[in-house]
Structures are given as C-alpha cells and as structure tokens.
Amino acid sequence: MSHENWQSIWARRGTSDASGLSLEELLRLDGFDSGAACIDPQDWRSYAQDLANRLNIREGQSVFEIGCGAGAFLAALSETRSIVVGGIDYAEGLIGNARQALPQGSFQVGDAEALEPAPPAHHVIANSVFQYFPLGKAGNILQRMLSKAAMTVAVLDIPNRETQAECEAVRRAALPEAEYERKYAGLEHTYFDRDWFACQVNPDEWRCETIDGFIPNYTQNQFRFAALYRRVTPLITPTERI
C-alpha cells in the first residue's frame, strides 16, 4: 500500500508558474530541497557531468529518463552538452514543468511499466525513483528500460539493503520526530541488493556494474548505489542518430 501512497503524493506536485523554473526550482519540485535529500544545484550539476562522462554521452545523442519529474536531472545534463531529451512520469503537473523547462524535449504522462521500446534512445536513465517501486514492478520497468536503450542504462541513487537500518535512522534524524511521523506515515522505500541488478540481464548482451553513490556532498551516498549497464554490442554506433 505504501507505494500507492507515494504515487498519490508525487501526482499532486507541480506548479502552474511557467516563470522562474531555474535548476534550483526544478530540484525543489523533484523533492531534493529538504531533509536528507537536500542537494545544492552546483553539486547536482557536478553529478550530471559525472554521469555524462561515465556513460560517454556525446553531443547530439538522446537521453530518456524514467520518472523524470520536473526534469531537474535532464536540465542539468543539457547544460553539459547538446542532447536530445525525453522522459515519462505519472505526475501530470511535473511533466508540465518539464515541458516548460525543456521545451525541446519529448515528455509523456504515464506509468513506466507501459513504456514502449520505440523510439529507442541512446541512453535510458532512472534517478532516485526505484525506491518507490515494489520489487516486481522494478524488474518490469528495468526490462523496459533495457529494451529502449541502444547503448546504456543507468539506475541511480538506489537504496542499499545492506545499510537499510542506518539509512532509516538518518532519515528520521533529519527531521523533528513529529514532522517525520507526519511526512512518512504509511510510506516505505524499497531497498535492493546490489547483485539483484546483475541478475536481471543476460551477460552475453549486457555488462552490469554497481558503484557507490557519487552525488557530491549528499548525505545519502553512504546508503545508496548505482547500477550501470552497457550493451555488449550497441544497437547503434556512438555517432549515429536515432
């Protein structure tokens, strides 16, 4: 039930104000502005640049984000190089903000389990959203991401099952007790084992590596990790357009 509660919360987010959609405001809309999840815009930019380098995202390539929200991550990526962006999220208000912030992008309202593999994208990412999916749904969404990606997939900011107790303690300590109980009543995160991600793919088709969280100055890094996938044989060369 807690996962449906999360969906209800995010579906209510967004703003009708088309002005002032700075990166700081996009981060606020996407929930990275308070408590243990607070991230400085400059640190966010460094995070996006780091991922772009790790995935070898090149000028003119496409990046599609699952659970893109208001587009904070794609906006920061777009500052690093000229790319084609798109995304899907079930929060209509946040998708409206993503369209305002990134008018050249292609954004859709919907459940990621209904994501179609076509058109493909060079790179498919999901940042800090897998904790809102039950394990079975997470597996289905990951398969859809892999089907859509011509080159790489990145699942970022994943809660680590090994450090679940410590993570929950830090989350609780970041807010006054009454506010924590009010904010998180009936809401739970899904935690993942690192090897779960490698088990989701055929090693003859995909290379999977898990790495520690790498958002600068982010208190949750010690409890989070990322899973990066690279096709053994890319469906498209790095210089080809989709």
C-alpha atoms as a PDB file:
ATOM      1  CA  MET A   1       0.000   0.000   0.000  1.00  0.00           C
ATOM      2  CA  SER A   2       2.861   2.406   0.734  1.00  0.00           C
ATOM      3  CA  HIS A   3       3.884   2.521  -2.936  1.00  0.00           C
ATOM      4  CA  GLU A   4       0.420   3.691  -3.958  1.00  0.00           C
ATOM      5  CA  ASN A   5       0.687   6.362  -1.251  1.00  0.00           C
ATOM      6  CA  TRP A   6       3.929   7.603  -2.790  1.00  0.00           C
ATOM      7  CA  GLN A   7       2.262   7.807  -6.195  1.00  0.00           C
ATOM      8  CA  SER A   8      -0.537   9.908  -4.749  1.00  0.00           C
ATOM      9  CA  ILE A   9       1.965  12.321  -3.197  1.00  0.00           C
ATOM     10  CA  TRP A  10       4.016  12.826  -6.350  1.00  0.00           C
ATOM     11  CA  ALA A  11       0.915  13.172  -8.520  1.00  0.00           C
ATOM     12  CA  ARG A  12       0.000  16.312  -6.572  1.00  0.00           C
ATOM     13  CA  ARG A  13       3.322  18.051  -7.191  1.00  0.00           C
ATOM     14  CA  GLY A  14       4.000  20.688  -9.816  1.00  0.00           C
ATOM     15  CA  THR A  15       3.430  24.362 -10.387  1.00  0.00           C
ATOM     16  CA  SER A  16       1.450  26.349 -12.925  1.00  0.00           C
ATOM     17  CA  ASP A  17       4.005  29.172 -12.831  1.00  0.00           C
ATOM     18  CA  ALA A  18       5.968  28.950 -16.067  1.00  0.00           C
ATOM     19  CA  SER A  19       8.447  31.626 -14.972  1.00  0.00           C
ATOM     20  CA  GLY A  20      11.478  31.119 -12.768  1.00  0.00           C
ATOM     21  CA  LEU A  21      11.988  27.412 -13.471  1.00  0.00           C
ATOM     22  CA  SER A  22      15.635  27.572 -12.512  1.00  0.00           C
ATOM     23  CA  LEU A  23      17.567  24.436 -11.676  1.00  0.00           C
ATOM     24  CA  GLU A  24      17.052  25.255  -8.001  1.00  0.00           C
ATOM     25  CA  GLU A  25      13.281  25.369  -8.526  1.00  0.00           C
ATOM     26  CA  LEU A  26      13.311  22.126 -10.524  1.00  0.00           C
ATOM     27  CA  LEU A  27      15.196  20.456  -7.685  1.00  0.00           C
ATOM     28  CA  ARG A  28      12.557  21.693  -5.253  1.00  0.00           C
ATOM     29  CA  LEU A  29       9.765  20.317  -7.406  1.00  0.00           C
ATOM     30  CA  ASP A  30      11.572  16.977  -7.668  1.00  0.00           C
ATOM     31  CA  GLY A  31      11.977  16.748  -3.888  1.00  0.00           C
ATOM     32  CA  PHE A  32      15.693  17.477  -3.491  1.00  0.00           C
ATOM     33  CA  ASP A  33      15.304  20.551  -1.318  1.00  0.00           C
ATOM     34  CA  SER A  34      14.889  19.375   2.257  1.00  0.00           C
ATOM     35  CA  GLY A  35      15.946  16.863   4.883  1.00  0.00           C
ATOM     36  CA  ALA A  36      18.371  14.090   3.995  1.00  0.00           C
ATOM     37  CA  ALA A  37      17.592  14.557   0.274  1.00  0.00           C
ATOM     38  CA  CYS A  38      18.695  18.199   0.071  1.00  0.00           C
ATOM     39  CA  ILE A  39      21.170  18.745  -2.799  1.00  0.00           C
ATOM     40  CA  ASP A  40      22.862  22.006  -3.824  1.00  0.00           C
ATOM     41  CA  PRO A  41      22.370  22.970  -7.502  1.00  0.00           C
ATOM     42  CA  GLN A  42      26.127  23.094  -8.126  1.00  0.00           C
ATOM     43  CA  ASP A  43      26.567  19.630  -6.651  1.00  0.00           C
ATOM     44  CA  TRP A  44      23.694  18.474  -8.865  1.00  0.00           C
ATOM     45  CA  ARG A  45      25.463  19.871 -11.921  1.00  0.00           C
ATOM     46  CA  SER A  46      28.642  18.012 -10.957  1.00  0.00           C
ATOM     47  CA  TYR A  47      26.608  14.831 -10.541  1.00  0.00           C
ATOM     48  CA  ALA A  48      25.112  15.183 -14.027  1.00  0.00           C
ATOM     49  CA  GLN A  49      28.524  15.904 -15.541  1.00  0.00           C
ATOM     50  CA  ASP A  50      29.993  12.857 -13.819  1.00  0.00           C
ATOM     51  CA  LEU A  51      27.249  10.593 -15.163  1.00  0.00           C
ATOM     52  CA  ALA A  52      27.630  12.013 -18.670  1.00  0.00           C
ATOM     53  CA  ASN A  53      31.322  11.147 -18.530  1.00  0.00           C
ATOM     54  CA  ARG A  54      30.711   7.654 -17.116  1.00  0.00           C
ATOM     55  CA  LEU A  55      28.188   6.807 -19.849  1.00  0.00           C
ATOM     56  CA  ASN A  56      30.158   8.622 -22.556  1.00  0.00           C
ATOM     57  CA  ILE A  57      27.126  10.703 -23.519  1.00  0.00           C
ATOM     58  CA  ARG A  58      28.059  12.646 -26.641  1.00  0.00           C
ATOM     59  CA  GLU A  59      26.779  15.735 -28.422  1.00  0.00           C
ATOM     60  CA  GLY A  60      23.569  15.054 -30.306  1.00  0.00           C
ATOM     61  CA  GLN A  61      22.752  11.789 -28.524  1.00  0.00           C
ATOM     62  CA  SER A  62      19.424  11.110 -26.829  1.00  0.00           C
ATOM     63  CA  VAL A  63      18.753  10.578 -23.130  1.00  0.00           C
ATOM     64  CA  PHE A  64      15.394   9.317 -21.885  1.00  0.00           C
ATOM     65  CA  GLU A  65      14.536   9.414 -18.177  1.00  0.00           C
ATOM     66  CA  ILE A  66      12.117   7.166 -16.286  1.00  0.00           C
ATOM     67  CA  GLY A  67      10.373   9.092 -13.501  1.00  0.00           C
ATOM     68  CA  CYS A  68      11.757  12.358 -14.843  1.00  0.00           C
ATOM     69  CA  GLY A  69       9.562  14.559 -12.652  1.00  0.00           C
ATOM     70  CA  ALA A  70      10.030  18.239 -13.442  1.00  0.00           C
ATOM     71  CA  GLY A  71      13.212  17.491 -15.383  1.00  0.00           C
ATOM     72  CA  ALA A  72      15.898  18.570 -12.917  1.00  0.00           C
ATOM     73  CA  PHE A  73      18.342  15.856 -13.962  1.00  0.00           C
ATOM     74  CA  LEU A  74      17.792  16.256 -17.705  1.00  0.00           C
ATOM     75  CA  ALA A  75      18.117  20.037 -17.344  1.00  0.00           C
ATOM     76  CA  ALA A  76      21.495  19.642 -15.664  1.00  0.00           C
ATOM     77  CA  LEU A  77      22.616  17.115 -18.291  1.00  0.00           C
ATOM     78  CA  SER A  78      21.571  19.538 -21.023  1.00  0.00           C
ATOM     79  CA  GLU A  79      23.922  22.123 -19.537  1.00  0.00           C
ATOM     80  CA  THR A  80      26.876  19.776 -20.083  1.00  0.00           C
ATOM     81  CA  ARG A  81      26.324  19.184 -23.804  1.00  0.00           C
ATOM     82  CA  SER A  82      23.691  19.475 -26.545  1.00  0.00           C
ATOM     83  CA  ILE A  83      21.495  16.375 -26.257  1.00  0.00           C
ATOM     84  CA  VAL A  84      18.002  15.230 -27.196  1.00  0.00           C
ATOM     85  CA  VAL A  85      15.941  14.670 -24.060  1.00  0.00           C
ATOM     86  CA  GLY A  86      12.709  12.929 -23.177  1.00  0.00           C
ATOM     87  CA  GLY A  87      11.013  11.344 -20.215  1.00  0.00           C
ATOM     88  CA  ILE A  88       7.978   9.761 -18.629  1.00  0.00           C
ATOM     89  CA  ASP A  89       6.334  10.359 -15.244  1.00  0.00           C
ATOM     90  CA  TYR A  90       2.866   9.712 -13.845  1.00  0.00           C
ATOM     91  CA  ALA A  91       2.704  13.211 -12.262  1.00  0.00           C
ATOM     92  CA  GLU A  92       0.957  15.384 -14.847  1.00  0.00           C
ATOM     93  CA  GLY A  93       1.881  18.613 -13.048  1.00  0.00           C
ATOM     94  CA  LEU A  94       5.587  17.748 -13.001  1.00  0.00           C
ATOM     95  CA  ILE A  95       5.534  16.733 -16.662  1.00  0.00           C
ATOM     96  CA  GLY A  96       4.029  20.143 -17.383  1.00  0.00           C
ATOM     97  CA  ASN A  97       7.000  21.733 -15.634  1.00  0.00           C
ATOM     98  CA  ALA A  98       9.456  19.548 -17.562  1.00  0.00           C
ATOM     99  CA  ARG A  99       7.878  20.736 -20.805  1.00  0.00           C
ATOM    100  CA  GLN A 100       8.245  24.337 -19.653  1.00  0.00           C
ATOM    101  CA  ALA A 101      11.851  23.913 -18.562  1.00  0.00           C
ATOM    102  CA  LEU A 102      12.899  21.826 -21.587  1.00  0.00           C
ATOM    103  CA  PRO A 103      10.555  22.804 -24.439  1.00  0.00           C
ATOM    104  CA  GLN A 104      12.705  20.976 -26.982  1.00  0.00           C
ATOM    105  CA  GLY A 105      12.184  17.693 -25.139  1.00  0.00           C
ATOM    106  CA  SER A 106       9.586  14.974 -25.572  1.00  0.00           C
ATOM    107  CA  PHE A 107       7.715  14.211 -22.344  1.00  0.00           C
ATOM    108  CA  GLN A 108       4.762  11.959 -21.612  1.00  0.00           C
ATOM    109  CA  VAL A 109       2.444  11.351 -18.686  1.00  0.00           C
ATOM    110  CA  GLY A 110       2.188   7.671 -17.847  1.00  0.00           C
ATOM    111  CA  ASP A 111       3.299   4.661 -15.859  1.00  0.00           C
ATOM    112  CA  ALA A 112       6.813   3.469 -16.674  1.00  0.00           C
ATOM    113  CA  GLU A 113       5.514  -0.123 -16.906  1.00  0.00           C
ATOM    114  CA  ALA A 114       3.719   0.970 -20.084  1.00  0.00           C
ATOM    115  CA  LEU A 115       6.880   2.423 -21.648  1.00  0.00           C
ATOM    116  CA  GLU A 116       7.293   1.459 -25.301  1.00  0.00           C
ATOM    117  CA  PRO A 117      10.725   0.476 -26.650  1.00  0.00           C
ATOM    118  CA  ALA A 118      10.233   2.643 -29.733  1.00  0.00           C
ATOM    119  CA  PRO A 119      11.527   5.124 -30.424  1.00  0.00           C
ATOM    120  CA  PRO A 120      14.816   3.992 -28.913  1.00  0.00           C
ATOM    121  CA  ALA A 121      17.214   6.291 -27.068  1.00  0.00           C
ATOM    122  CA  HIS A 122      20.986   6.130 -26.846  1.00  0.00           C
ATOM    123  CA  HIS A 123      20.861   6.258 -23.048  1.00  0.00           C
ATOM    124  CA  VAL A 124      17.990   5.478 -20.641  1.00  0.00           C
ATOM    125  CA  ILE A 125      18.227   6.553 -17.007  1.00  0.00           C
ATOM    126  CA  ALA A 126      16.230   6.486 -13.780  1.00  0.00           C
ATOM    127  CA  ASN A 127      17.385   8.696 -10.929  1.00  0.00           C
ATOM    128  CA  SER A 128      16.207   8.211  -7.353  1.00  0.00           C
ATOM    129  CA  VAL A 129      12.896   6.579  -8.283  1.00  0.00           C
ATOM    130  CA  PHE A 130      13.385   2.819  -7.896  1.00  0.00           C
ATOM    131  CA  GLN A 131      12.772   3.130  -4.155  1.00  0.00           C
ATOM    132  CA  TYR A 132       9.121   3.932  -4.990  1.00  0.00           C
ATOM    133  CA  PHE A 133       8.575   0.687  -6.946  1.00  0.00           C
ATOM    134  CA  PRO A 134       7.673  -2.705  -5.457  1.00  0.00           C
ATOM    135  CA  LEU A 135      10.350  -5.242  -6.392  1.00  0.00           C
ATOM    136  CA  GLY A 136       8.289  -6.935  -9.101  1.00  0.00           C
ATOM    137  CA  LYS A 137       7.408  -3.644 -10.734  1.00  0.00           C
ATOM    138  CA  ALA A 138      11.034  -2.528 -10.541  1.00  0.00           C
ATOM    139  CA  GLY A 139      12.033  -5.624 -12.506  1.00  0.00           C
ATOM    140  CA  ASN A 140       9.427  -4.967 -15.186  1.00  0.00           C
ATOM    141  CA  ILE A 141      10.461  -1.325 -15.529  1.00  0.00           C
ATOM    142  CA  LEU A 142      14.134  -2.222 -15.760  1.00  0.00           C
ATOM    143  CA  GLN A 143      13.388  -4.619 -18.626  1.00  0.00           C
ATOM    144  CA  ARG A 144      11.544  -1.860 -20.458  1.00  0.00           C
ATOM    145  CA  MET A 145      14.478   0.480 -19.943  1.00  0.00           C
ATOM    146  CA  LEU A 146      16.860  -2.124 -21.346  1.00  0.00           C
ATOM    147  CA  SER A 147      14.598  -2.684 -24.360  1.00  0.00           C
ATOM    148  CA  LYS A 148      14.524   1.042 -25.115  1.00  0.00           C
ATOM    149  CA  ALA A 149      18.264   1.712 -24.740  1.00  0.00           C
ATOM    150  CA  ALA A 150      20.551   1.462 -27.744  1.00  0.00           C
ATOM    151  CA  MET A 151      23.746   1.851 -25.700  1.00  0.00           C
ATOM    152  CA  THR A 152      23.482   2.279 -21.922  1.00  0.00           C
ATOM    153  CA  VAL A 153      21.101   2.197 -18.967  1.00  0.00           C
ATOM    154  CA  ALA A 154      21.726   3.854 -15.607  1.00  0.00           C
ATOM    155  CA  VAL A 155      19.674   3.301 -12.450  1.00  0.00           C
ATOM    156  CA  LEU A 156      20.848   5.879  -9.928  1.00  0.00           C
ATOM    157  CA  ASP A 157      20.519   6.618  -6.219  1.00  0.00           C
ATOM    158  CA  ILE A 158      19.303   3.122  -5.289  1.00  0.00           C
ATOM    159  CA  PRO A 159      18.692   2.330  -1.591  1.00  0.00           C
ATOM    160  CA  ASN A 160      21.106  -0.378  -0.445  1.00  0.00           C
ATOM    161  CA  ARG A 161      19.545  -3.220   1.515  1.00  0.00           C
ATOM    162  CA  GLU A 162      22.808  -3.772   3.412  1.00  0.00           C
ATOM    163  CA  THR A 163      22.550  -0.328   5.025  1.00  0.00           C
ATOM    164  CA  GLN A 164      18.771  -0.101   5.381  1.00  0.00           C
ATOM    165  CA  ALA A 165      18.732   0.275   9.171  1.00  0.00           C
ATOM    166  CA  GLU A 166      21.365   3.010   9.161  1.00  0.00           C
ATOM    167  CA  CYS A 167      19.629   4.832   6.319  1.00  0.00           C
ATOM    168  CA  GLU A 168      16.276   4.852   8.072  1.00  0.00           C
ATOM    169  CA  ALA A 169      17.943   6.219  11.205  1.00  0.00           C
ATOM    170  CA  VAL A 170      19.493   9.114   9.256  1.00  0.00           C
ATOM    171  CA  ARG A 171      16.197   9.894   7.548  1.00  0.00           C
ATOM    172  CA  ARG A 172      14.492  10.004  10.918  1.00  0.00           C
ATOM    173  CA  ALA A 173      17.209  12.192  12.463  1.00  0.00           C
ATOM    174  CA  ALA A 174      16.985  14.754   9.638  1.00  0.00           C
ATOM    175  CA  LEU A 175      13.530  15.907  10.772  1.00  0.00           C
ATOM    176  CA  PRO A 176      11.812  16.585  14.089  1.00  0.00           C
ATOM    177  CA  GLU A 177      10.110  13.400  15.280  1.00  0.00           C
ATOM    178  CA  ALA A 178       6.579  14.746  14.824  1.00  0.00           C
ATOM    179  CA  GLU A 179       7.330  16.018  11.327  1.00  0.00           C
ATOM    180  CA  TYR A 180       8.950  12.707  10.355  1.00  0.00           C
ATOM    181  CA  GLU A 181       5.923  10.734  11.510  1.00  0.00           C
ATOM    182  CA  ARG A 182       3.586  13.084   9.659  1.00  0.00           C
ATOM    183  CA  LYS A 183       5.647  13.083   6.467  1.00  0.00           C
ATOM    184  CA  TYR A 184       6.421   9.370   6.229  1.00  0.00           C
ATOM    185  CA  ALA A 185       3.418   7.699   7.841  1.00  0.00           C
ATOM    186  CA  GLY A 186       2.443   4.756   5.621  1.00  0.00           C
ATOM    187  CA  LEU A 187       5.346   5.433   3.254  1.00  0.00           C
ATOM    188  CA  GLU A 188       8.165   2.982   2.752  1.00  0.00           C
ATOM    189  CA  HIS A 189      11.127   2.701   0.419  1.00  0.00           C
ATOM    190  CA  THR A 190      12.155  -0.427  -1.460  1.00  0.00           C
ATOM    191  CA  TYR A 191      15.755  -1.470  -0.753  1.00  0.00           C
ATOM    192  CA  PHE A 192      17.808  -3.512  -3.211  1.00  0.00           C
ATOM    193  CA  ASP A 193      20.695  -5.944  -3.090  1.00  0.00           C
ATOM    194  CA  ARG A 194      23.475  -4.981  -5.472  1.00  0.00           C
ATOM    195  CA  ASP A 195      23.558  -8.373  -7.165  1.00  0.00           C
ATOM    196  CA  TRP A 196      19.840  -8.136  -7.983  1.00  0.00           C
ATOM    197  CA  PHE A 197      20.691  -5.794 -10.857  1.00  0.00           C
ATOM    198  CA  ALA A 198      23.269  -8.102 -12.448  1.00  0.00           C
ATOM    199  CA  CYS A 199      20.771 -10.972 -12.251  1.00  0.00           C
ATOM    200  CA  GLN A 200      18.268  -9.054 -14.408  1.00  0.00           C
ATOM    201  CA  VAL A 201      20.310  -9.298 -17.623  1.00  0.00           C
ATOM    202  CA  ASN A 202      21.982 -11.812 -19.919  1.00  0.00           C
ATOM    203  CA  PRO A 203      25.749 -11.229 -19.530  1.00  0.00           C
ATOM    204  CA  ASP A 204      26.196 -12.031 -23.210  1.00  0.00           C
ATOM    205  CA  GLU A 205      24.090  -8.965 -24.027  1.00  0.00           C
ATOM    206  CA  TRP A 206      24.790  -6.542 -21.179  1.00  0.00           C
ATOM    207  CA  ARG A 207      27.670  -5.648 -18.889  1.00  0.00           C
ATOM    208  CA  CYS A 208      26.477  -4.521 -15.450  1.00  0.00           C
ATOM    209  CA  GLU A 209      28.485  -2.788 -12.749  1.00  0.00           C
ATOM    210  CA  THR A 210      27.332  -1.343  -9.458  1.00  0.00           C
ATOM    211  CA  ILE A 211      29.117   1.634  -7.954  1.00  0.00           C
ATOM    212  CA  ASP A 212      28.778   3.629  -4.761  1.00  0.00           C
ATOM    213  CA  GLY A 213      26.634   6.759  -4.724  1.00  0.00           C
ATOM    214  CA  PHE A 214      28.525   9.683  -6.247  1.00  0.00           C
ATOM    215  CA  ILE A 215      26.454  12.840  -5.687  1.00  0.00           C
ATOM    216  CA  PRO A 216      28.819  15.433  -4.154  1.00  0.00           C
ATOM    217  CA  ASN A 217      28.089  16.321  -0.503  1.00  0.00           C
ATOM    218  CA  TYR A 218      24.994  14.097  -0.413  1.00  0.00           C
ATOM    219  CA  THR A 219      24.389  12.556   2.988  1.00  0.00           C
ATOM    220  CA  GLN A 220      22.627   9.559   1.423  1.00  0.00           C
ATOM    221  CA  ASN A 221      25.645   8.420  -0.645  1.00  0.00           C
ATOM    222  CA  GLN A 222      26.745   6.009   2.076  1.00  0.00           C
ATOM    223  CA  PHE A 223      23.389   4.239   1.787  1.00  0.00           C
ATOM    224  CA  ARG A 224      22.921   4.361  -1.975  1.00  0.00           C
ATOM    225  CA  PHE A 225      24.488   2.862  -5.083  1.00  0.00           C
ATOM    226  CA  ALA A 226      24.047   2.976  -8.854  1.00  0.00           C
ATOM    227  CA  ALA A 227      23.733   0.241 -11.468  1.00  0.00           C
ATOM    228  CA  LEU A 228      25.250   0.981 -14.880  1.00  0.00           C
ATOM    229  CA  TYR A 229      24.571  -1.210 -17.910  1.00  0.00           C
ATOM    230  CA  ARG A 230      26.361  -1.201 -21.247  1.00  0.00           C
ATOM    231  CA  ARG A 231      25.289  -3.234 -24.250  1.00  0.00           C
ATOM    232  CA  VAL A 232      27.981  -5.703 -25.297  1.00  0.00           C
ATOM    233  CA  THR A 233      27.034  -4.872 -28.887  1.00  0.00           C
ATOM    234  CA  PRO A 234      25.407  -1.428 -29.104  1.00  0.00           C
ATOM    235  CA  LEU A 235      22.383  -1.233 -31.388  1.00  0.00           C
ATOM    236  CA  ILE A 236      23.799   1.948 -32.833  1.00  0.00           C
ATOM    237  CA  THR A 237      27.268   3.477 -33.102  1.00  0.00           C
ATOM    238  CA  PRO A 238      28.089   6.456 -30.858  1.00  0.00           C
ATOM    239  CA  THR A 239      27.973   8.870 -33.805  1.00  0.00           C
ATOM    240  CA  GLU A 240      24.706   7.650 -35.318  1.00  0.00           C
ATOM    241  CA  ARG A 241      21.478   9.482 -34.599  1.00  0.00           C
ATOM    242  CA  ILE A 242      18.223   7.858 -33.595  1.00  0.00           C
END
